[in-house]
């Protein structure tokens, strides 16, 4: 089984703003920032915040019931 390696990619936008995209091993976008950031450093800070808090995220089904995962 091939290991899935995720990576965040910083993307410059027109006007000097930045967003991030989370990509899987194949380079496919899994998700991206909902908003853009005024600086590259702020986009990196947002990525760091996500990386710290996602470890604590719980998994729920579509009805809002916690799963065993």
PDB file of N, CA and C in Angstrom:
ATOM      1  N   UNK A   1       0.839  -1.178   0.000  1.00  0.00           N
ATOM      2  CA  UNK A   1       0.000   0.000   0.000  1.00  0.00           C
ATOM      3  C   UNK A   1       0.885   1.243   0.000  1.00  0.00           C
ATOM      4  N   UNK A   2       0.574   2.179  -0.862  1.00  0.00           N
ATOM      5  CA  UNK A   2       1.350   3.399  -0.986  1.00  0.00           C
ATOM      6  C   UNK A   2       0.958   4.402   0.099  1.00  0.00           C
ATOM      7  N   UNK A   3       1.976   5.010   0.713  1.00  0.00           N
ATOM      8  CA  UNK A   3       1.724   6.005   1.742  1.00  0.00           C
ATOM      9  C   UNK A   3       1.171   7.279   1.106  1.00  0.00           C
ATOM     10  N   UNK A   4       0.139   7.830   1.721  1.00  0.00           N
ATOM     11  CA  UNK A   4      -0.442   9.075   1.235  1.00  0.00           C
ATOM     12  C   UNK A   4       0.282  10.226   1.914  1.00  0.00           C
ATOM     13  N   UNK A   5       0.874  11.069   1.119  1.00  0.00           N
ATOM     14  CA  UNK A   5       1.589  12.220   1.639  1.00  0.00           C
ATOM     15  C   UNK A   5       0.832  13.471   1.216  1.00  0.00           C
ATOM     16  N   UNK A   6       0.350  14.197   2.201  1.00  0.00           N
ATOM     17  CA  UNK A   6      -0.375  15.431   1.943  1.00  0.00           C
ATOM     18  C   UNK A   6       0.616  16.589   2.004  1.00  0.00           C
ATOM     19  N   UNK A   7       0.320  17.643   1.242  1.00  0.00           N
ATOM     20  CA  UNK A   7       1.175  18.821   1.314  1.00  0.00           C
ATOM     21  C   UNK A   7       0.323  20.077   1.117  1.00  0.00           C
ATOM     22  N   UNK A   8       0.698  21.104   1.850  1.00  0.00           N
ATOM     23  CA  UNK A   8       0.084  22.407   1.676  1.00  0.00           C
ATOM     24  C   UNK A   8       0.884  23.157   0.614  1.00  0.00           C
ATOM     25  N   UNK A   9       0.188  23.817  -0.284  1.00  0.00           N
ATOM     26  CA  UNK A   9       0.823  24.608  -1.329  1.00  0.00           C
ATOM     27  C   UNK A   9       0.332  26.046  -1.201  1.00  0.00           C
ATOM     28  N   UNK A  10       1.264  26.985  -1.116  1.00  0.00           N
ATOM     29  CA  UNK A  10       0.917  28.404  -1.068  1.00  0.00           C
ATOM     30  C   UNK A  10       0.724  28.911  -2.495  1.00  0.00           C
ATOM     31  N   UNK A  11      -0.363  29.632  -2.725  1.00  0.00           N
ATOM     32  CA  UNK A  11      -0.689  30.110  -4.064  1.00  0.00           C
ATOM     33  C   UNK A  11      -0.843  31.628  -4.036  1.00  0.00           C
ATOM     34  N   UNK A  12      -0.019  32.345  -4.807  1.00  0.00           N
ATOM     35  CA  UNK A  12      -0.189  33.803  -4.883  1.00  0.00           C
ATOM     36  C   UNK A  12      -1.396  34.152  -5.751  1.00  0.00           C
ATOM     37  N   UNK A  13      -2.150  35.134  -5.310  1.00  0.00           N
ATOM     38  CA  UNK A  13      -3.323  35.604  -6.042  1.00  0.00           C
ATOM     39  C   UNK A  13      -3.027  36.986  -6.625  1.00  0.00           C
ATOM     40  N   UNK A  14      -3.864  37.407  -7.529  1.00  0.00           N
ATOM     41  CA  UNK A  14      -3.752  38.754  -8.090  1.00  0.00           C
ATOM     42  C   UNK A  14      -3.934  39.761  -6.953  1.00  0.00           C
ATOM     43  N   UNK A  15      -3.151  40.807  -6.970  1.00  0.00           N
ATOM     44  CA  UNK A  15      -3.285  41.841  -5.949  1.00  0.00           C
ATOM     45  C   UNK A  15      -2.444  41.589  -4.713  1.00  0.00           C
ATOM     46  N   UNK A  16      -1.575  40.578  -4.775  1.00  0.00           N
ATOM     47  CA  UNK A  16      -0.668  40.331  -3.667  1.00  0.00           C
ATOM     48  C   UNK A  16      -1.236  39.503  -2.530  1.00  0.00           C
ATOM     49  N   UNK A  17      -2.423  38.950  -2.689  1.00  0.00           N
ATOM     50  CA  UNK A  17      -3.017  38.115  -1.641  1.00  0.00           C
ATOM     51  C   UNK A  17      -2.582  36.668  -1.849  1.00  0.00           C
ATOM     52  N   UNK A  18      -2.788  35.837  -0.826  1.00  0.00           N
ATOM     53  CA  UNK A  18      -2.340  34.445  -0.848  1.00  0.00           C
ATOM     54  C   UNK A  18      -3.449  33.529  -0.374  1.00  0.00           C
ATOM     55  N   UNK A  19      -3.436  32.296  -0.863  1.00  0.00           N
ATOM     56  CA  UNK A  19      -4.295  31.249  -0.329  1.00  0.00           C
ATOM     57  C   UNK A  19      -3.472  29.975  -0.245  1.00  0.00           C
ATOM     58  N   UNK A  20      -4.008  28.973   0.439  1.00  0.00           N
ATOM     59  CA  UNK A  20      -3.323  27.680   0.497  1.00  0.00           C
ATOM     60  C   UNK A  20      -4.238  26.610  -0.067  1.00  0.00           C
ATOM     61  N   UNK A  21      -3.623  25.575  -0.615  1.00  0.00           N
ATOM     62  CA  UNK A  21      -4.340  24.411  -1.129  1.00  0.00           C
ATOM     63  C   UNK A  21      -3.688  23.177  -0.511  1.00  0.00           C
ATOM     64  N   UNK A  22      -4.490  22.267   0.029  1.00  0.00           N
ATOM     65  CA  UNK A  22      -3.985  21.001   0.545  1.00  0.00           C
ATOM     66  C   UNK A  22      -4.110  19.982  -0.579  1.00  0.00           C
ATOM     67  N   UNK A  23      -2.994  19.379  -0.964  1.00  0.00           N
ATOM     68  CA  UNK A  23      -2.964  18.419  -2.078  1.00  0.00           C
ATOM     69  C   UNK A  23      -2.541  17.043  -1.591  1.00  0.00           C
ATOM     70  N   UNK A  24      -3.073  16.011  -2.245  1.00  0.00           N
ATOM     71  CA  UNK A  24      -2.710  14.638  -1.906  1.00  0.00           C
ATOM     72  C   UNK A  24      -1.483  14.200  -2.704  1.00  0.00           C
ATOM     73  N   UNK A  25      -1.123  12.938  -2.577  1.00  0.00           N
ATOM     74  CA  UNK A  25       0.065  12.394  -3.230  1.00  0.00           C
ATOM     75  C   UNK A  25       0.054  12.609  -4.738  1.00  0.00           C
ATOM     76  N   UNK A  26      -1.118  12.538  -5.341  1.00  0.00           N
ATOM     77  CA  UNK A  26      -1.238  12.705  -6.793  1.00  0.00           C
ATOM     78  C   UNK A  26      -1.272  14.166  -7.229  1.00  0.00           C
ATOM     79  N   UNK A  27      -1.260  15.065  -6.263  1.00  0.00           N
ATOM     80  CA  UNK A  27      -1.329  16.485  -6.583  1.00  0.00           C
ATOM     81  C   UNK A  27      -2.737  17.018  -6.696  1.00  0.00           C
ATOM     82  N   UNK A  28      -3.726  16.160  -6.404  1.00  0.00           N
ATOM     83  CA  UNK A  28      -5.122  16.595  -6.467  1.00  0.00           C
ATOM     84  C   UNK A  28      -5.465  17.435  -5.243  1.00  0.00           C
ATOM     85  N   UNK A  29      -6.223  18.502  -5.446  1.00  0.00           N
ATOM     86  CA  UNK A  29      -6.646  19.356  -4.346  1.00  0.00           C
ATOM     87  C   UNK A  29      -7.653  18.617  -3.472  1.00  0.00           C
ATOM     88  N   UNK A  30      -7.404  18.604  -2.181  1.00  0.00           N
ATOM     89  CA  UNK A  30      -8.309  17.995  -1.216  1.00  0.00           C
ATOM     90  C   UNK A  30      -9.194  19.090  -0.618  1.00  0.00           C
ATOM     91  N   UNK A  31      -8.595  20.221  -0.293  1.00  0.00           N
ATOM     92  CA  UNK A  31      -9.335  21.384   0.185  1.00  0.00           C
ATOM     93  C   UNK A  31      -8.448  22.610   0.018  1.00  0.00           C
ATOM     94  N   UNK A  32      -9.058  23.778   0.197  1.00  0.00           N
ATOM     95  CA  UNK A  32      -8.275  25.001   0.106  1.00  0.00           C
ATOM     96  C   UNK A  32      -8.841  26.013   1.087  1.00  0.00           C
ATOM     97  N   UNK A  33      -8.058  27.045   1.348  1.00  0.00           N
ATOM     98  CA  UNK A  33      -8.498  28.071   2.287  1.00  0.00           C
ATOM     99  C   UNK A  33      -9.770  28.730   1.761  1.00  0.00           C
ATOM    100  N   UNK A  34     -10.658  29.015   2.684  1.00  0.00           N
ATOM    101  CA  UNK A  34     -11.925  29.629   2.315  1.00  0.00           C
ATOM    102  C   UNK A  34     -11.739  31.086   1.912  1.00  0.00           C
ATOM    103  N   UNK A  35     -10.745  31.704   2.510  1.00  0.00           N
ATOM    104  CA  UNK A  35     -10.471  33.101   2.195  1.00  0.00           C
ATOM    105  C   UNK A  35      -9.006  33.262   1.812  1.00  0.00           C
ATOM    106  N   UNK A  36      -8.665  34.443   1.333  1.00  0.00           N
ATOM    107  CA  UNK A  36      -7.271  34.732   0.999  1.00  0.00           C
ATOM    108  C   UNK A  36      -6.652  35.526   2.142  1.00  0.00           C
ATOM    109  N   UNK A  37      -5.331  35.609   2.121  1.00  0.00           N
ATOM    110  CA  UNK A  37      -4.589  36.266   3.186  1.00  0.00           C
ATOM    111  C   UNK A  37      -3.774  37.411   2.595  1.00  0.00           C
ATOM    112  N   UNK A  38      -3.636  38.484   3.376  1.00  0.00           N
ATOM    113  CA  UNK A  38      -2.953  39.680   2.904  1.00  0.00           C
ATOM    114  C   UNK A  38      -1.462  39.510   2.696  1.00  0.00           C
ATOM    115  N   UNK A  39      -0.866  38.529   3.383  1.00  0.00           N
ATOM    116  CA  UNK A  39       0.559  38.289   3.229  1.00  0.00           C
ATOM    117  C   UNK A  39       0.835  36.792   3.171  1.00  0.00           C
ATOM    118  N   UNK A  40       1.959  36.459   2.604  1.00  0.00           N
ATOM    119  CA  UNK A  40       2.395  35.054   2.559  1.00  0.00           C
ATOM    120  C   UNK A  40       2.584  34.519   3.977  1.00  0.00           C
ATOM    121  N   UNK A  41       3.131  35.355   4.850  1.00  0.00           N
ATOM    122  CA  UNK A  41       3.372  34.946   6.231  1.00  0.00           C
ATOM    123  C   UNK A  41       2.071  34.623   6.959  1.00  0.00           C
ATOM    124  N   UNK A  42       1.017  35.392   6.692  1.00  0.00           N
ATOM    125  CA  UNK A  42      -0.287  35.124   7.330  1.00  0.00           C
ATOM    126  C   UNK A  42      -0.866  33.815   6.803  1.00  0.00           C
ATOM    127  N   UNK A  43      -0.673  33.513   5.535  1.00  0.00           N
ATOM    128  CA  UNK A  43      -1.140  32.240   4.982  1.00  0.00           C
ATOM    129  C   UNK A  43      -0.403  31.079   5.643  1.00  0.00           C
ATOM    130  N   UNK A  44       0.896  31.229   5.851  1.00  0.00           N
ATOM    131  CA  UNK A  44       1.676  30.186   6.532  1.00  0.00           C
ATOM    132  C   UNK A  44       1.198  30.025   7.967  1.00  0.00           C
ATOM    133  N   UNK A  45       0.915  31.126   8.631  1.00  0.00           N
ATOM    134  CA  UNK A  45       0.414  31.067  10.008  1.00  0.00           C
ATOM    135  C   UNK A  45      -0.918  30.313  10.057  1.00  0.00           C
ATOM    136  N   UNK A  46      -1.788  30.547   9.089  1.00  0.00           N
ATOM    137  CA  UNK A  46      -3.069  29.844   9.037  1.00  0.00           C
ATOM    138  C   UNK A  46      -2.856  28.342   8.862  1.00  0.00           C
ATOM    139  N   UNK A  47      -1.897  27.960   8.019  1.00  0.00           N
ATOM    140  CA  UNK A  47      -1.573  26.542   7.833  1.00  0.00           C
ATOM    141  C   UNK A  47      -1.097  25.942   9.151  1.00  0.00           C
ATOM    142  N   UNK A  48      -0.228  26.653   9.854  1.00  0.00           N
ATOM    143  CA  UNK A  48       0.284  26.155  11.128  1.00  0.00           C
ATOM    144  C   UNK A  48      -0.831  25.980  12.148  1.00  0.00           C
ATOM    145  N   UNK A  49      -1.776  26.907  12.165  1.00  0.00           N
ATOM    146  CA  UNK A  49      -2.913  26.804  13.080  1.00  0.00           C
ATOM    147  C   UNK A  49      -3.757  25.579  12.759  1.00  0.00           C
ATOM    148  N   UNK A  50      -3.975  25.321  11.492  1.00  0.00           N
ATOM    149  CA  UNK A  50      -4.752  24.142  11.079  1.00  0.00           C
ATOM    150  C   UNK A  50      -4.025  22.873  11.498  1.00  0.00           C
ATOM    151  N   UNK A  51      -2.734  22.809  11.248  1.00  0.00           N
ATOM    152  CA  UNK A  51      -1.949  21.615  11.572  1.00  0.00           C
ATOM    153  C   UNK A  51      -1.980  21.317  13.072  1.00  0.00           C
ATOM    154  N   UNK A  52      -2.007  22.350  13.898  1.00  0.00           N
ATOM    155  CA  UNK A  52      -2.044  22.152  15.338  1.00  0.00           C
ATOM    156  C   UNK A  52      -3.408  21.700  15.828  1.00  0.00           C
ATOM    157  N   UNK A  53      -4.468  22.254  15.264  1.00  0.00           N
ATOM    158  CA  UNK A  53      -5.802  21.967  15.781  1.00  0.00           C
ATOM    159  C   UNK A  53      -6.463  20.742  15.160  1.00  0.00           C
ATOM    160  N   UNK A  54      -6.078  20.366  13.956  1.00  0.00           N
ATOM    161  CA  UNK A  54      -6.753  19.247  13.290  1.00  0.00           C
ATOM    162  C   UNK A  54      -6.514  17.921  14.014  1.00  0.00           C
ATOM    163  N   UNK A  55      -5.415  17.806  14.735  1.00  0.00           N
ATOM    164  CA  UNK A  55      -5.148  16.584  15.496  1.00  0.00           C
ATOM    165  C   UNK A  55      -6.250  16.301  16.510  1.00  0.00           C
ATOM    166  N   UNK A  56      -6.914  17.355  16.967  1.00  0.00           N
ATOM    167  CA  UNK A  56      -7.948  17.231  17.983  1.00  0.00           C
ATOM    168  C   UNK A  56      -9.344  17.059  17.384  1.00  0.00           C
ATOM    169  N   UNK A  57      -9.443  17.140  16.077  1.00  0.00           N
ATOM    170  CA  UNK A  57     -10.750  17.081  15.425  1.00  0.00           C
ATOM    171  C   UNK A  57     -11.383  15.704  15.593  1.00  0.00           C
ATOM    172  N   UNK A  58     -12.669  15.703  15.862  1.00  0.00           N
ATOM    173  CA  UNK A  58     -13.443  14.476  15.985  1.00  0.00           C
ATOM    174  C   UNK A  58     -14.146  14.196  14.660  1.00  0.00           C
ATOM    175  N   UNK A  59     -14.576  12.959  14.467  1.00  0.00           N
ATOM    176  CA  UNK A  59     -15.265  12.554  13.240  1.00  0.00           C
ATOM    177  C   UNK A  59     -16.734  12.310  13.574  1.00  0.00           C
ATOM    178  N   UNK A  60     -17.632  12.894  12.761  1.00  0.00           N
ATOM    179  CA  UNK A  60     -19.075  12.747  12.957  1.00  0.00           C
ATOM    180  C   UNK A  60     -19.710  12.249  11.665  1.00  0.00           C
ATOM    181  N   UNK A  61     -20.838  11.547  11.799  1.00  0.00           N
ATOM    182  CA  UNK A  61     -21.582  11.155  10.599  1.00  0.00           C
ATOM    183  C   UNK A  61     -22.457  12.322  10.176  1.00  0.00           C
ATOM    184  N   UNK A  62     -23.232  12.147   9.118  1.00  0.00           N
ATOM    185  CA  UNK A  62     -24.025  13.239   8.558  1.00  0.00           C
ATOM    186  C   UNK A  62     -25.140  13.724   9.480  1.00  0.00           C
ATOM    187  N   UNK A  63     -25.471  12.910  10.496  1.00  0.00           N
ATOM    188  CA  UNK A  63     -26.506  13.291  11.457  1.00  0.00           C
ATOM    189  C   UNK A  63     -25.919  13.955  12.691  1.00  0.00           C
ATOM    190  N   UNK A  64     -24.598  14.067  12.733  1.00  0.00           N
ATOM    191  CA  UNK A  64     -23.952  14.706  13.869  1.00  0.00           C
ATOM    192  C   UNK A  64     -23.589  13.754  14.995  1.00  0.00           C
ATOM    193  N   UNK A  65     -23.701  12.461  14.743  1.00  0.00           N
ATOM    194  CA  UNK A  65     -23.351  11.461  15.746  1.00  0.00           C
ATOM    195  C   UNK A  65     -21.852  11.158  15.676  1.00  0.00           C
ATOM    196  N   UNK A  66     -21.161  11.208  16.822  1.00  0.00           N
ATOM    197  CA  UNK A  66     -19.727  10.886  16.800  1.00  0.00           C
ATOM    198  C   UNK A  66     -19.502   9.443  16.352  1.00  0.00           C
ATOM    199  N   UNK A  67     -18.446   9.228  15.594  1.00  0.00           N
ATOM    200  CA  UNK A  67     -18.087   7.875  15.183  1.00  0.00           C
ATOM    201  C   UNK A  67     -16.981   7.375  16.095  1.00  0.00           C
ATOM    202  N   UNK A  68     -16.595   6.136  15.941  1.00  0.00           N
ATOM    203  CA  UNK A  68     -15.534   5.569  16.768  1.00  0.00           C
ATOM    204  C   UNK A  68     -14.159   5.954  16.267  1.00  0.00           C
ATOM    205  N   UNK A  69     -14.071   6.624  15.125  1.00  0.00           N
ATOM    206  CA  UNK A  69     -12.770   6.980  14.529  1.00  0.00           C
ATOM    207  C   UNK A  69     -12.102   8.084  15.286  1.00  0.00           C
TER     208      UNK A  69
END
